[in-house]
Amino acid sequence: MAVTTMAKALNAALRRALESDDRVLLMGEDIGKLGGVFRITDGLQKDFGESRVIDSPLAESGILGTAVGLAMRGFRPVVEIQFDGFVYPAFDQIVSQVAKHHARSSGATRMPITIRIPYGGGIGAVEHHSESPEAYFAHTAGLRVISPSNPFDAFVMLQQAVASDDPVVFLEPKRRYWDKGEVDVDADLASAMSPYRARILRDGTSATVACYGPMVRTCLEAATAAETDGVSLEVIDLRSVSPLDVPTVVASVRRTGRLVVVHEASVFLGVGAELAARVTEECFYSLEAPVLRVGGYHTPYPPSKLEEDYLPDLDRVLDAVDRALAF
């Protein structure tokens, strides 16, 4: 085991993917010589060459269009969208080509494309650099959408995404890039937990808190704070947005009777809304309170000086828990 940051864990995962399969190549804006704006690909072009770690033009649609062609020819492209808000020029390629080509070809052609997107706020960035676009992609059949919350999951899940024959939108919580944790660099992927399974990080009896990506740390901190008041929160890291591991959440809610879903993205038509509906269908007679959601407001992402008022924090999570317990 080694203690490292999420950023370095992602770098190590990409290095291992490049080493283990000659069909893997990386594409993105400034990912080569610069090593990416967050240095996730630092040193990889030097070690693997410009034909496998490619500095692309500033054209997200072109990056994804090229990836589609490469996937058709048997390559396994890993593309980086520099910031979450820059993905929209590539949206047509992702939902019209990447997500649908396998079905369109009656299964003859796979799209083993991994789309890395740093997402979420909390870094004091300017407009279009702090968005949470996961619901757009989760709504699109044919895409898998996953997000790690810690360095170990980042290391394993990124390798699993690259090895997948299905297209994967890999969402990296950028404000957690510098969080540290233990990473087993010798982890066996064959025996690793599926990236589409949720993980219970903390057992509890009073209420279930389901979250993913950047909000996992916040929810764990909320659970620690709630414990001082005698409230026992079960915290679930969903890890995957599409598919959703509903059975794990349902089993938890049947034990606790309450559910709070937390994510940075707007609660309006978000992942929390889908999970609330599914849990209500499955757990109607087990619920002691309505499923509550905590998330961003239904507004454009604010200027950086206001983002702390926009982002869900420990107090907003605990307030939702208190409201659930009050029923």
C-alpha atoms as a PDB file:
ATOM      1  CA  MET A   1       0.000   0.000   0.000  1.00  0.00           C
ATOM      2  CA  ALA A   2       1.136   3.518  -0.808  1.00  0.00           C
ATOM      3  CA  VAL A   3      -0.415   6.790   0.332  1.00  0.00           C
ATOM      4  CA  THR A   4      -0.979   9.056  -2.642  1.00  0.00           C
ATOM      5  CA  THR A   5      -3.326  11.680  -4.070  1.00  0.00           C
ATOM      6  CA  MET A   6      -6.219  10.960  -6.412  1.00  0.00           C
ATOM      7  CA  ALA A   7      -4.379  12.848  -9.160  1.00  0.00           C
ATOM      8  CA  LYS A   8      -1.332  10.588  -8.881  1.00  0.00           C
ATOM      9  CA  ALA A   9      -3.533   7.499  -8.625  1.00  0.00           C
ATOM     10  CA  LEU A  10      -5.199   8.422 -11.918  1.00  0.00           C
ATOM     11  CA  ASN A  11      -1.800   8.974 -13.502  1.00  0.00           C
ATOM     12  CA  ALA A  12      -0.684   5.541 -12.319  1.00  0.00           C
ATOM     13  CA  ALA A  13      -3.869   3.960 -13.679  1.00  0.00           C
ATOM     14  CA  LEU A  14      -3.329   5.492 -17.116  1.00  0.00           C
ATOM     15  CA  ARG A  15       0.303   4.390 -17.096  1.00  0.00           C
ATOM     16  CA  ARG A  16      -0.701   0.821 -16.310  1.00  0.00           C
ATOM     17  CA  ALA A  17      -3.382   0.847 -19.028  1.00  0.00           C
ATOM     18  CA  LEU A  18      -0.849   2.069 -21.606  1.00  0.00           C
ATOM     19  CA  GLU A  19       1.658  -0.556 -20.524  1.00  0.00           C
ATOM     20  CA  SER A  20      -0.773  -3.459 -20.565  1.00  0.00           C
ATOM     21  CA  ASP A  21      -2.481  -2.863 -23.919  1.00  0.00           C
ATOM     22  CA  ASP A  22      -0.904  -1.378 -27.054  1.00  0.00           C
ATOM     23  CA  ARG A  23      -4.376  -0.455 -28.317  1.00  0.00           C
ATOM     24  CA  VAL A  24      -4.823   2.129 -25.543  1.00  0.00           C
ATOM     25  CA  LEU A  25      -4.025   5.721 -26.456  1.00  0.00           C
ATOM     26  CA  LEU A  26      -4.737   9.072 -24.832  1.00  0.00           C
ATOM     27  CA  MET A  27      -6.047  12.222 -26.521  1.00  0.00           C
ATOM     28  CA  GLY A  28      -6.816  15.666 -25.171  1.00  0.00           C
ATOM     29  CA  GLU A  29      -5.962  19.329 -25.031  1.00  0.00           C
ATOM     30  CA  ASP A  30      -2.500  19.919 -23.518  1.00  0.00           C
ATOM     31  CA  ILE A  31      -2.286  16.403 -22.055  1.00  0.00           C
ATOM     32  CA  GLY A  32       1.105  15.658 -23.644  1.00  0.00           C
ATOM     33  CA  LYS A  33       3.908  18.140 -23.150  1.00  0.00           C
ATOM     34  CA  LEU A  34       2.089  19.994 -20.377  1.00  0.00           C
ATOM     35  CA  GLY A  35       0.714  16.857 -18.726  1.00  0.00           C
ATOM     36  CA  GLY A  36      -2.804  18.269 -18.517  1.00  0.00           C
ATOM     37  CA  VAL A  37      -3.998  21.319 -16.614  1.00  0.00           C
ATOM     38  CA  PHE A  38      -4.273  19.173 -13.456  1.00  0.00           C
ATOM     39  CA  ARG A  39      -1.108  17.189 -14.367  1.00  0.00           C
ATOM     40  CA  ILE A  40      -3.046  13.927 -14.484  1.00  0.00           C
ATOM     41  CA  THR A  41      -1.113  12.806 -17.588  1.00  0.00           C
ATOM     42  CA  ASP A  42       2.235  14.211 -16.450  1.00  0.00           C
ATOM     43  CA  GLY A  43       5.191  12.302 -17.917  1.00  0.00           C
ATOM     44  CA  LEU A  44       3.128   9.906 -20.017  1.00  0.00           C
ATOM     45  CA  GLN A  45       3.939  11.410 -23.424  1.00  0.00           C
ATOM     46  CA  LYS A  46       7.634  11.386 -22.571  1.00  0.00           C
ATOM     47  CA  ASP A  47       7.480   7.679 -21.732  1.00  0.00           C
ATOM     48  CA  PHE A  48       5.022   6.438 -24.371  1.00  0.00           C
ATOM     49  CA  GLY A  49       5.538   8.857 -27.251  1.00  0.00           C
ATOM     50  CA  GLU A  50       3.421  11.330 -29.193  1.00  0.00           C
ATOM     51  CA  SER A  51       1.603   8.608 -31.125  1.00  0.00           C
ATOM     52  CA  ARG A  52       0.000   7.243 -27.949  1.00  0.00           C
ATOM     53  CA  VAL A  53      -0.360  10.403 -25.827  1.00  0.00           C
ATOM     54  CA  ILE A  54      -1.678  12.946 -28.285  1.00  0.00           C
ATOM     55  CA  ASP A  55      -2.004  16.700 -27.863  1.00  0.00           C
ATOM     56  CA  SER A  56      -5.220  17.424 -29.739  1.00  0.00           C
ATOM     57  CA  PRO A  57      -6.567  20.665 -31.197  1.00  0.00           C
ATOM     58  CA  LEU A  58      -8.955  22.712 -29.064  1.00  0.00           C
ATOM     59  CA  ALA A  59     -11.983  20.954 -30.551  1.00  0.00           C
ATOM     60  CA  GLU A  60     -13.937  18.622 -28.298  1.00  0.00           C
ATOM     61  CA  SER A  61     -16.209  17.451 -31.107  1.00  0.00           C
ATOM     62  CA  GLY A  62     -13.140  16.602 -33.148  1.00  0.00           C
ATOM     63  CA  ILE A  63     -11.577  14.716 -30.243  1.00  0.00           C
ATOM     64  CA  LEU A  64     -14.654  12.517 -29.816  1.00  0.00           C
ATOM     65  CA  GLY A  65     -15.174  12.092 -33.548  1.00  0.00           C
ATOM     66  CA  THR A  66     -11.592  10.880 -33.885  1.00  0.00           C
ATOM     67  CA  ALA A  67     -12.098   8.536 -30.941  1.00  0.00           C
ATOM     68  CA  VAL A  68     -15.131   6.981 -32.642  1.00  0.00           C
ATOM     69  CA  GLY A  69     -13.079   6.242 -35.757  1.00  0.00           C
ATOM     70  CA  LEU A  70     -10.233   4.803 -33.699  1.00  0.00           C
ATOM     71  CA  ALA A  71     -12.629   2.595 -31.719  1.00  0.00           C
ATOM     72  CA  MET A  72     -14.068   1.254 -34.973  1.00  0.00           C
ATOM     73  CA  ARG A  73     -10.536   0.218 -35.964  1.00  0.00           C
ATOM     74  CA  GLY A  74      -9.904  -1.654 -32.735  1.00  0.00           C
ATOM     75  CA  PHE A  75      -8.212   0.963 -30.562  1.00  0.00           C
ATOM     76  CA  ARG A  76      -9.228   1.830 -27.006  1.00  0.00           C
ATOM     77  CA  PRO A  77      -9.072   5.641 -26.853  1.00  0.00           C
ATOM     78  CA  VAL A  78      -9.079   7.520 -23.558  1.00  0.00           C
ATOM     79  CA  VAL A  79     -10.043  11.131 -24.173  1.00  0.00           C
ATOM     80  CA  GLU A  80      -9.806  14.015 -21.743  1.00  0.00           C
ATOM     81  CA  ILE A  81     -12.273  16.885 -21.697  1.00  0.00           C
ATOM     82  CA  GLN A  82     -10.247  19.606 -20.009  1.00  0.00           C
ATOM     83  CA  PHE A  83     -13.141  20.935 -17.900  1.00  0.00           C
ATOM     84  CA  ASP A  84     -16.734  19.804 -17.391  1.00  0.00           C
ATOM     85  CA  GLY A  85     -18.248  22.852 -19.074  1.00  0.00           C
ATOM     86  CA  PHE A  86     -16.251  22.202 -22.247  1.00  0.00           C
ATOM     87  CA  VAL A  87     -17.946  18.879 -22.981  1.00  0.00           C
ATOM     88  CA  TYR A  88     -20.991  20.373 -24.682  1.00  0.00           C
ATOM     89  CA  PRO A  89     -19.413  20.843 -28.144  1.00  0.00           C
ATOM     90  CA  ALA A  90     -18.843  17.058 -28.051  1.00  0.00           C
ATOM     91  CA  PHE A  91     -22.331  16.283 -26.752  1.00  0.00           C
ATOM     92  CA  ASP A  92     -23.685  15.424 -30.202  1.00  0.00           C
ATOM     93  CA  GLN A  93     -20.828  13.004 -30.852  1.00  0.00           C
ATOM     94  CA  ILE A  94     -21.259  11.358 -27.452  1.00  0.00           C
ATOM     95  CA  VAL A  95     -25.036  10.856 -27.515  1.00  0.00           C
ATOM     96  CA  SER A  96     -25.473  10.321 -31.266  1.00  0.00           C
ATOM     97  CA  GLN A  97     -22.403   8.228 -32.101  1.00  0.00           C
ATOM     98  CA  VAL A  98     -20.564   6.937 -29.043  1.00  0.00           C
ATOM     99  CA  ALA A  99     -23.682   5.823 -27.155  1.00  0.00           C
ATOM    100  CA  LYS A 100     -25.598   4.402 -30.111  1.00  0.00           C
ATOM    101  CA  HIS A 101     -23.092   2.813 -32.470  1.00  0.00           C
ATOM    102  CA  HIS A 102     -23.039  -0.597 -30.800  1.00  0.00           C
ATOM    103  CA  ALA A 103     -26.834  -0.877 -31.108  1.00  0.00           C
ATOM    104  CA  ARG A 104     -26.829   0.682 -34.574  1.00  0.00           C
ATOM    105  CA  SER A 105     -24.371  -1.948 -35.808  1.00  0.00           C
ATOM    106  CA  SER A 106     -26.450  -4.771 -34.276  1.00  0.00           C
ATOM    107  CA  GLY A 107     -23.552  -5.536 -31.945  1.00  0.00           C
ATOM    108  CA  ALA A 108     -20.932  -5.804 -34.707  1.00  0.00           C
ATOM    109  CA  THR A 109     -18.882  -2.826 -33.518  1.00  0.00           C
ATOM    110  CA  ARG A 110     -17.999  -1.855 -29.973  1.00  0.00           C
ATOM    111  CA  MET A 111     -17.178   1.618 -28.682  1.00  0.00           C
ATOM    112  CA  PRO A 112     -14.500   1.041 -26.000  1.00  0.00           C
ATOM    113  CA  ILE A 113     -14.030   4.761 -25.368  1.00  0.00           C
ATOM    114  CA  THR A 114     -13.307   6.268 -21.956  1.00  0.00           C
ATOM    115  CA  ILE A 115     -14.256   9.933 -21.632  1.00  0.00           C
ATOM    116  CA  ARG A 116     -12.468  11.536 -18.683  1.00  0.00           C
ATOM    117  CA  ILE A 117     -14.199  14.684 -17.389  1.00  0.00           C
ATOM    118  CA  PRO A 118     -12.981  16.671 -14.361  1.00  0.00           C
ATOM    119  CA  TYR A 119     -16.242  17.902 -12.842  1.00  0.00           C
ATOM    120  CA  GLY A 120     -17.788  19.798  -9.965  1.00  0.00           C
ATOM    121  CA  GLY A 121     -16.912  22.960  -8.091  1.00  0.00           C
ATOM    122  CA  GLY A 122     -14.915  23.982  -5.087  1.00  0.00           C
ATOM    123  CA  ILE A 123     -11.729  25.212  -6.774  1.00  0.00           C
ATOM    124  CA  GLY A 124     -12.648  28.878  -7.254  1.00  0.00           C
ATOM    125  CA  ALA A 125     -12.729  28.630 -11.041  1.00  0.00           C
ATOM    126  CA  VAL A 126     -14.357  30.898 -13.619  1.00  0.00           C
ATOM    127  CA  GLU A 127     -17.493  30.207 -15.659  1.00  0.00           C
ATOM    128  CA  HIS A 128     -17.818  26.782 -17.364  1.00  0.00           C
ATOM    129  CA  HIS A 129     -15.181  25.224 -15.099  1.00  0.00           C
ATOM    130  CA  SER A 130     -17.308  23.939 -12.201  1.00  0.00           C
ATOM    131  CA  GLU A 131     -20.342  22.174 -13.615  1.00  0.00           C
ATOM    132  CA  SER A 132     -21.860  18.759 -12.887  1.00  0.00           C
ATOM    133  CA  PRO A 133     -23.196  17.332 -16.181  1.00  0.00           C
ATOM    134  CA  GLU A 134     -23.720  13.718 -15.095  1.00  0.00           C
ATOM    135  CA  ALA A 135     -27.510  13.662 -15.505  1.00  0.00           C
ATOM    136  CA  TYR A 136     -27.220  14.467 -19.232  1.00  0.00           C
ATOM    137  CA  PHE A 137     -25.159  11.350 -19.804  1.00  0.00           C
ATOM    138  CA  ALA A 138     -26.987   9.095 -17.350  1.00  0.00           C
ATOM    139  CA  HIS A 139     -30.168   9.808 -19.320  1.00  0.00           C
ATOM    140  CA  THR A 140     -28.507   8.498 -22.493  1.00  0.00           C
ATOM    141  CA  ALA A 141     -28.867   4.755 -23.026  1.00  0.00           C
ATOM    142  CA  GLY A 142     -25.616   3.134 -24.114  1.00  0.00           C
ATOM    143  CA  LEU A 143     -23.310   5.085 -21.810  1.00  0.00           C
ATOM    144  CA  ARG A 144     -21.894   4.007 -18.472  1.00  0.00           C
ATOM    145  CA  VAL A 145     -21.315   6.885 -16.043  1.00  0.00           C
ATOM    146  CA  ILE A 146     -19.068   6.406 -13.016  1.00  0.00           C
ATOM    147  CA  SER A 147     -17.254   8.597 -10.508  1.00  0.00           C
ATOM    148  CA  PRO A 148     -14.611   7.671  -7.915  1.00  0.00           C
ATOM    149  CA  SER A 149     -14.475   9.435  -4.559  1.00  0.00           C
ATOM    150  CA  ASN A 150     -11.029   8.402  -3.325  1.00  0.00           C
ATOM    151  CA  PRO A 151      -7.569   7.556  -4.684  1.00  0.00           C
ATOM    152  CA  PHE A 152      -7.947   3.767  -4.537  1.00  0.00           C
ATOM    153  CA  ASP A 153     -11.237   3.755  -6.439  1.00  0.00           C
ATOM    154  CA  ALA A 154      -9.770   6.230  -8.931  1.00  0.00           C
ATOM    155  CA  PHE A 155      -6.850   3.872  -9.586  1.00  0.00           C
ATOM    156  CA  VAL A 156      -8.974   0.756 -10.026  1.00  0.00           C
ATOM    157  CA  MET A 157     -12.094   2.201 -11.647  1.00  0.00           C
ATOM    158  CA  LEU A 158     -10.197   4.070 -14.359  1.00  0.00           C
ATOM    159  CA  GLN A 159      -8.434   0.871 -15.396  1.00  0.00           C
ATOM    160  CA  GLN A 160     -11.767  -0.955 -15.383  1.00  0.00           C
ATOM    161  CA  ALA A 161     -13.261   1.782 -17.573  1.00  0.00           C
ATOM    162  CA  VAL A 162     -10.432   1.537 -20.117  1.00  0.00           C
ATOM    163  CA  ALA A 163     -10.808  -2.255 -20.220  1.00  0.00           C
ATOM    164  CA  SER A 164     -14.584  -2.035 -20.768  1.00  0.00           C
ATOM    165  CA  ASP A 165     -15.984  -2.719 -24.229  1.00  0.00           C
ATOM    166  CA  ASP A 166     -18.721  -0.163 -23.529  1.00  0.00           C
ATOM    167  CA  PRO A 167     -18.234   3.618 -23.602  1.00  0.00           C
ATOM    168  CA  VAL A 168     -17.654   5.029 -20.129  1.00  0.00           C
ATOM    169  CA  VAL A 169     -18.043   8.627 -18.988  1.00  0.00           C
ATOM    170  CA  PHE A 170     -15.484   8.810 -16.194  1.00  0.00           C
ATOM    171  CA  LEU A 171     -16.209  11.777 -13.930  1.00  0.00           C
ATOM    172  CA  GLU A 172     -13.283  12.954 -11.814  1.00  0.00           C
ATOM    173  CA  PRO A 173     -14.178  15.200  -8.826  1.00  0.00           C
ATOM    174  CA  LYS A 174     -11.570  17.873  -9.397  1.00  0.00           C
ATOM    175  CA  ARG A 175     -11.630  19.308  -5.874  1.00  0.00           C
ATOM    176  CA  ARG A 176     -10.676  15.862  -4.586  1.00  0.00           C
ATOM    177  CA  TYR A 177      -7.617  15.541  -6.852  1.00  0.00           C
ATOM    178  CA  TRP A 178      -5.350  16.426  -3.913  1.00  0.00           C
ATOM    179  CA  ASP A 179      -7.074  14.247  -1.312  1.00  0.00           C
ATOM    180  CA  LYS A 180      -4.792  11.452  -0.131  1.00  0.00           C
ATOM    181  CA  GLY A 181      -5.525   7.812   0.549  1.00  0.00           C
ATOM    182  CA  GLU A 182      -4.045   4.352   0.441  1.00  0.00           C
ATOM    183  CA  VAL A 183      -3.663   2.751  -2.976  1.00  0.00           C
ATOM    184  CA  ASP A 184      -2.660  -0.836  -3.640  1.00  0.00           C
ATOM    185  CA  VAL A 185      -0.688  -0.425  -6.865  1.00  0.00           C
ATOM    186  CA  ASP A 186      -0.600  -4.210  -7.226  1.00  0.00           C
ATOM    187  CA  ALA A 187      -4.375  -4.572  -7.027  1.00  0.00           C
ATOM    188  CA  ASP A 188      -5.757  -7.393  -9.156  1.00  0.00           C
ATOM    189  CA  LEU A 189      -8.450  -5.974 -11.439  1.00  0.00           C
ATOM    190  CA  ALA A 190      -9.934  -9.424 -12.003  1.00  0.00           C
ATOM    191  CA  SER A 191     -10.923  -9.656  -8.334  1.00  0.00           C
ATOM    192  CA  ALA A 192     -11.732  -5.962  -7.832  1.00  0.00           C
ATOM    193  CA  MET A 193     -15.226  -4.809  -7.020  1.00  0.00           C
ATOM    194  CA  SER A 194     -17.308  -3.938 -10.077  1.00  0.00           C
ATOM    195  CA  PRO A 195     -17.300  -0.179 -10.748  1.00  0.00           C
ATOM    196  CA  TYR A 196     -21.081  -0.363 -11.086  1.00  0.00           C
ATOM    197  CA  ARG A 197     -21.601  -1.538  -7.499  1.00  0.00           C
ATOM    198  CA  ALA A 198     -22.200   0.839  -4.610  1.00  0.00           C
ATOM    199  CA  ARG A 199     -20.070   0.561  -1.475  1.00  0.00           C
ATOM    200  CA  ILE A 200     -21.274   1.038   2.101  1.00  0.00           C
ATOM    201  CA  LEU A 201     -18.559   3.168   3.687  1.00  0.00           C
ATOM    202  CA  ARG A 202     -20.133   3.522   7.105  1.00  0.00           C
ATOM    203  CA  ASP A 203     -22.811   1.418   8.801  1.00  0.00           C
ATOM    204  CA  GLY A 204     -25.699   3.164  10.493  1.00  0.00           C
ATOM    205  CA  THR A 205     -29.234   2.715  11.777  1.00  0.00           C
ATOM    206  CA  SER A 206     -30.908   6.151  11.857  1.00  0.00           C
ATOM    207  CA  ALA A 207     -30.908   7.049   8.139  1.00  0.00           C
ATOM    208  CA  THR A 208     -29.171   6.228   4.876  1.00  0.00           C
ATOM    209  CA  VAL A 209     -27.163   8.893   3.070  1.00  0.00           C
ATOM    210  CA  ALA A 210     -26.387   8.066  -0.579  1.00  0.00           C
ATOM    211  CA  CYS A 211     -23.806  10.136  -2.438  1.00  0.00           C
ATOM    212  CA  TYR A 212     -21.022   9.944  -4.998  1.00  0.00           C
ATOM    213  CA  GLY A 213     -17.906  11.722  -6.211  1.00  0.00           C
ATOM    214  CA  PRO A 214     -17.030  14.969  -4.405  1.00  0.00           C
ATOM    215  CA  MET A 215     -19.894  14.675  -1.916  1.00  0.00           C
ATOM    216  CA  VAL A 216     -18.718  11.419  -0.337  1.00  0.00           C
ATOM    217  CA  ARG A 217     -16.158  13.133   1.880  1.00  0.00           C
ATOM    218  CA  THR A 218     -18.745  15.749   2.889  1.00  0.00           C
ATOM    219  CA  CYS A 219     -21.268  13.076   3.831  1.00  0.00           C
ATOM    220  CA  LEU A 220     -18.730  11.099   5.857  1.00  0.00           C
ATOM    221  CA  GLU A 221     -17.902  14.274   7.762  1.00  0.00           C
ATOM    222  CA  ALA A 222     -21.632  14.834   8.328  1.00  0.00           C
ATOM    223  CA  ALA A 223     -21.969  11.295   9.681  1.00  0.00           C
ATOM    224  CA  THR A 224     -19.126  11.907  12.130  1.00  0.00           C
ATOM    225  CA  ALA A 225     -20.760  15.137  13.290  1.00  0.00           C
ATOM    226  CA  ALA A 226     -24.181  13.490  13.629  1.00  0.00           C
ATOM    227  CA  GLU A 227     -22.727  10.747  15.808  1.00  0.00           C
ATOM    228  CA  THR A 228     -22.034  13.282  18.563  1.00  0.00           C
ATOM    229  CA  ASP A 229     -25.816  13.842  18.737  1.00  0.00           C
ATOM    230  CA  GLY A 230     -26.579  10.139  18.854  1.00  0.00           C
ATOM    231  CA  VAL A 231     -27.598   9.918  15.171  1.00  0.00           C
ATOM    232  CA  SER A 232     -26.203   6.915  13.291  1.00  0.00           C
ATOM    233  CA  LEU A 233     -25.930   7.513   9.539  1.00  0.00           C
ATOM    234  CA  GLU A 234     -25.252   4.797   6.999  1.00  0.00           C
ATOM    235  CA  VAL A 235     -23.188   6.340   4.168  1.00  0.00           C
ATOM    236  CA  ILE A 236     -23.259   4.758   0.699  1.00  0.00           C
ATOM    237  CA  ASP A 237     -20.857   5.730  -2.058  1.00  0.00           C
ATOM    238  CA  LEU A 238     -22.883   5.029  -5.214  1.00  0.00           C
ATOM    239  CA  ARG A 239     -19.711   5.055  -7.385  1.00  0.00           C
ATOM    240  CA  SER A 240     -21.852   4.529 -10.504  1.00  0.00           C
ATOM    241  CA  VAL A 241     -24.530   6.920 -11.736  1.00  0.00           C
ATOM    242  CA  SER A 242     -25.514   4.736 -14.688  1.00  0.00           C
ATOM    243  CA  PRO A 243     -26.219   1.972 -13.979  1.00  0.00           C
ATOM    244  CA  LEU A 244     -27.451   2.759 -10.473  1.00  0.00           C
ATOM    245  CA  ASP A 245     -26.950   0.056  -7.854  1.00  0.00           C
ATOM    246  CA  VAL A 246     -30.497   0.361  -6.555  1.00  0.00           C
ATOM    247  CA  PRO A 247     -30.533  -2.989  -4.665  1.00  0.00           C
ATOM    248  CA  THR A 248     -27.732  -1.896  -2.302  1.00  0.00           C
ATOM    249  CA  VAL A 249     -29.555   1.350  -1.483  1.00  0.00           C
ATOM    250  CA  VAL A 250     -32.897  -0.429  -1.114  1.00  0.00           C
ATOM    251  CA  ALA A 251     -31.454  -2.955   1.323  1.00  0.00           C
ATOM    252  CA  SER A 252     -30.016  -0.130   3.414  1.00  0.00           C
ATOM    253  CA  VAL A 253     -33.240   1.890   3.438  1.00  0.00           C
ATOM    254  CA  ARG A 254     -35.200  -1.161   4.550  1.00  0.00           C
ATOM    255  CA  ARG A 255     -32.927  -1.221   7.610  1.00  0.00           C
ATOM    256  CA  THR A 256     -32.892   2.519   8.377  1.00  0.00           C
ATOM    257  CA  GLY A 257     -36.305   3.659   7.094  1.00  0.00           C
ATOM    258  CA  ARG A 258     -34.965   6.953   5.757  1.00  0.00           C
ATOM    259  CA  LEU A 259     -32.938   8.158   2.763  1.00  0.00           C
ATOM    260  CA  VAL A 260     -31.139  11.406   1.961  1.00  0.00           C
ATOM    261  CA  VAL A 261     -29.489  11.634  -1.484  1.00  0.00           C
ATOM    262  CA  VAL A 262     -26.650  14.136  -1.886  1.00  0.00           C
ATOM    263  CA  HIS A 263     -24.951  15.431  -5.043  1.00  0.00           C
ATOM    264  CA  GLU A 264     -23.444  18.697  -6.286  1.00  0.00           C
ATOM    265  CA  ALA A 265     -25.615  18.891  -9.395  1.00  0.00           C
ATOM    266  CA  SER A 266     -28.995  20.586  -9.290  1.00  0.00           C
ATOM    267  CA  VAL A 267     -31.642  18.461  -7.601  1.00  0.00           C
ATOM    268  CA  PHE A 268     -34.103  19.281 -10.408  1.00  0.00           C
ATOM    269  CA  LEU A 269     -34.383  16.160 -12.616  1.00  0.00           C
ATOM    270  CA  GLY A 270     -31.093  14.934 -11.158  1.00  0.00           C
ATOM    271  CA  VAL A 271     -29.704  11.578 -10.067  1.00  0.00           C
ATOM    272  CA  GLY A 272     -31.322  12.051  -6.674  1.00  0.00           C
ATOM    273  CA  ALA A 273     -34.763  12.323  -8.275  1.00  0.00           C
ATOM    274  CA  GLU A 274     -34.317   8.978 -10.043  1.00  0.00           C
ATOM    275  CA  LEU A 275     -33.025   7.282  -6.918  1.00  0.00           C
ATOM    276  CA  ALA A 276     -35.863   8.751  -4.837  1.00  0.00           C
ATOM    277  CA  ALA A 277     -38.434   7.397  -7.271  1.00  0.00           C
ATOM    278  CA  ARG A 278     -36.870   3.934  -7.413  1.00  0.00           C
ATOM    279  CA  VAL A 279     -36.498   3.656  -3.638  1.00  0.00           C
ATOM    280  CA  THR A 280     -40.063   4.858  -3.070  1.00  0.00           C
ATOM    281  CA  GLU A 281     -41.316   2.144  -5.438  1.00  0.00           C
ATOM    282  CA  GLU A 282     -39.288  -0.561  -3.696  1.00  0.00           C
ATOM    283  CA  CYS A 283     -39.468   0.604  -0.062  1.00  0.00           C
ATOM    284  CA  PHE A 284     -42.842   2.299   0.269  1.00  0.00           C
ATOM    285  CA  TYR A 285     -43.845   0.360   3.381  1.00  0.00           C
ATOM    286  CA  SER A 286     -40.372   0.619   4.936  1.00  0.00           C
ATOM    287  CA  LEU A 287     -40.003   4.383   4.655  1.00  0.00           C
ATOM    288  CA  GLU A 288     -40.536   6.409   7.818  1.00  0.00           C
ATOM    289  CA  ALA A 289     -40.131   9.718   5.946  1.00  0.00           C
ATOM    290  CA  PRO A 290     -40.088  11.006   2.369  1.00  0.00           C
ATOM    291  CA  VAL A 291     -36.821  10.608   0.491  1.00  0.00           C
ATOM    292  CA  LEU A 292     -35.024  13.958   0.710  1.00  0.00           C
ATOM    293  CA  ARG A 293     -32.444  15.420  -1.670  1.00  0.00           C
ATOM    294  CA  VAL A 294     -29.551  17.800  -1.102  1.00  0.00           C
ATOM    295  CA  GLY A 295     -27.814  19.352  -4.095  1.00  0.00           C
ATOM    296  CA  GLY A 296     -27.031  22.429  -6.084  1.00  0.00           C
ATOM    297  CA  TYR A 297     -29.685  25.022  -6.784  1.00  0.00           C
ATOM    298  CA  HIS A 298     -31.506  25.185 -10.116  1.00  0.00           C
ATOM    299  CA  THR A 299     -29.455  28.143 -11.329  1.00  0.00           C
ATOM    300  CA  PRO A 300     -26.367  28.582 -13.493  1.00  0.00           C
ATOM    301  CA  TYR A 301     -23.217  27.864 -11.497  1.00  0.00           C
ATOM    302  CA  PRO A 302     -22.392  31.105  -9.651  1.00  0.00           C
ATOM    303  CA  PRO A 303     -19.191  33.182  -9.634  1.00  0.00           C
ATOM    304  CA  SER A 304     -16.452  31.654  -7.515  1.00  0.00           C
ATOM    305  CA  LYS A 305     -16.969  34.097  -4.641  1.00  0.00           C
ATOM    306  CA  LEU A 306     -20.485  32.681  -4.195  1.00  0.00           C
ATOM    307  CA  GLU A 307     -19.829  28.995  -4.776  1.00  0.00           C
ATOM    308  CA  GLU A 308     -19.613  28.123  -1.088  1.00  0.00           C
ATOM    309  CA  ASP A 309     -23.241  29.265  -0.792  1.00  0.00           C
ATOM    310  CA  TYR A 310     -24.191  27.101  -3.785  1.00  0.00           C
ATOM    311  CA  LEU A 311     -22.396  23.860  -2.972  1.00  0.00           C
ATOM    312  CA  PRO A 312     -23.970  21.387  -0.538  1.00  0.00           C
ATOM    313  CA  ASP A 313     -22.048  21.348   2.719  1.00  0.00           C
ATOM    314  CA  LEU A 314     -22.086  19.537   6.026  1.00  0.00           C
ATOM    315  CA  ASP A 315     -24.791  21.804   7.476  1.00  0.00           C
ATOM    316  CA  ARG A 316     -27.167  21.270   4.556  1.00  0.00           C
ATOM    317  CA  VAL A 317     -26.716  17.504   4.756  1.00  0.00           C
ATOM    318  CA  LEU A 318     -27.360  17.497   8.503  1.00  0.00           C
ATOM    319  CA  ASP A 319     -30.404  19.738   8.059  1.00  0.00           C
ATOM    320  CA  ALA A 320     -31.898  17.207   5.622  1.00  0.00           C
ATOM    321  CA  VAL A 321     -31.151  14.395   8.073  1.00  0.00           C
ATOM    322  CA  ASP A 322     -32.869  16.324  10.871  1.00  0.00           C
ATOM    323  CA  ARG A 323     -35.926  16.882   8.678  1.00  0.00           C
ATOM    324  CA  ALA A 324     -36.063  13.181   7.791  1.00  0.00           C
ATOM    325  CA  LEU A 325     -35.818  12.207  11.456  1.00  0.00           C
ATOM    326  CA  ALA A 326     -38.542  14.694  12.419  1.00  0.00           C
ATOM    327  CA  PHE A 327     -41.254  12.854  10.484  1.00  0.00           C
END
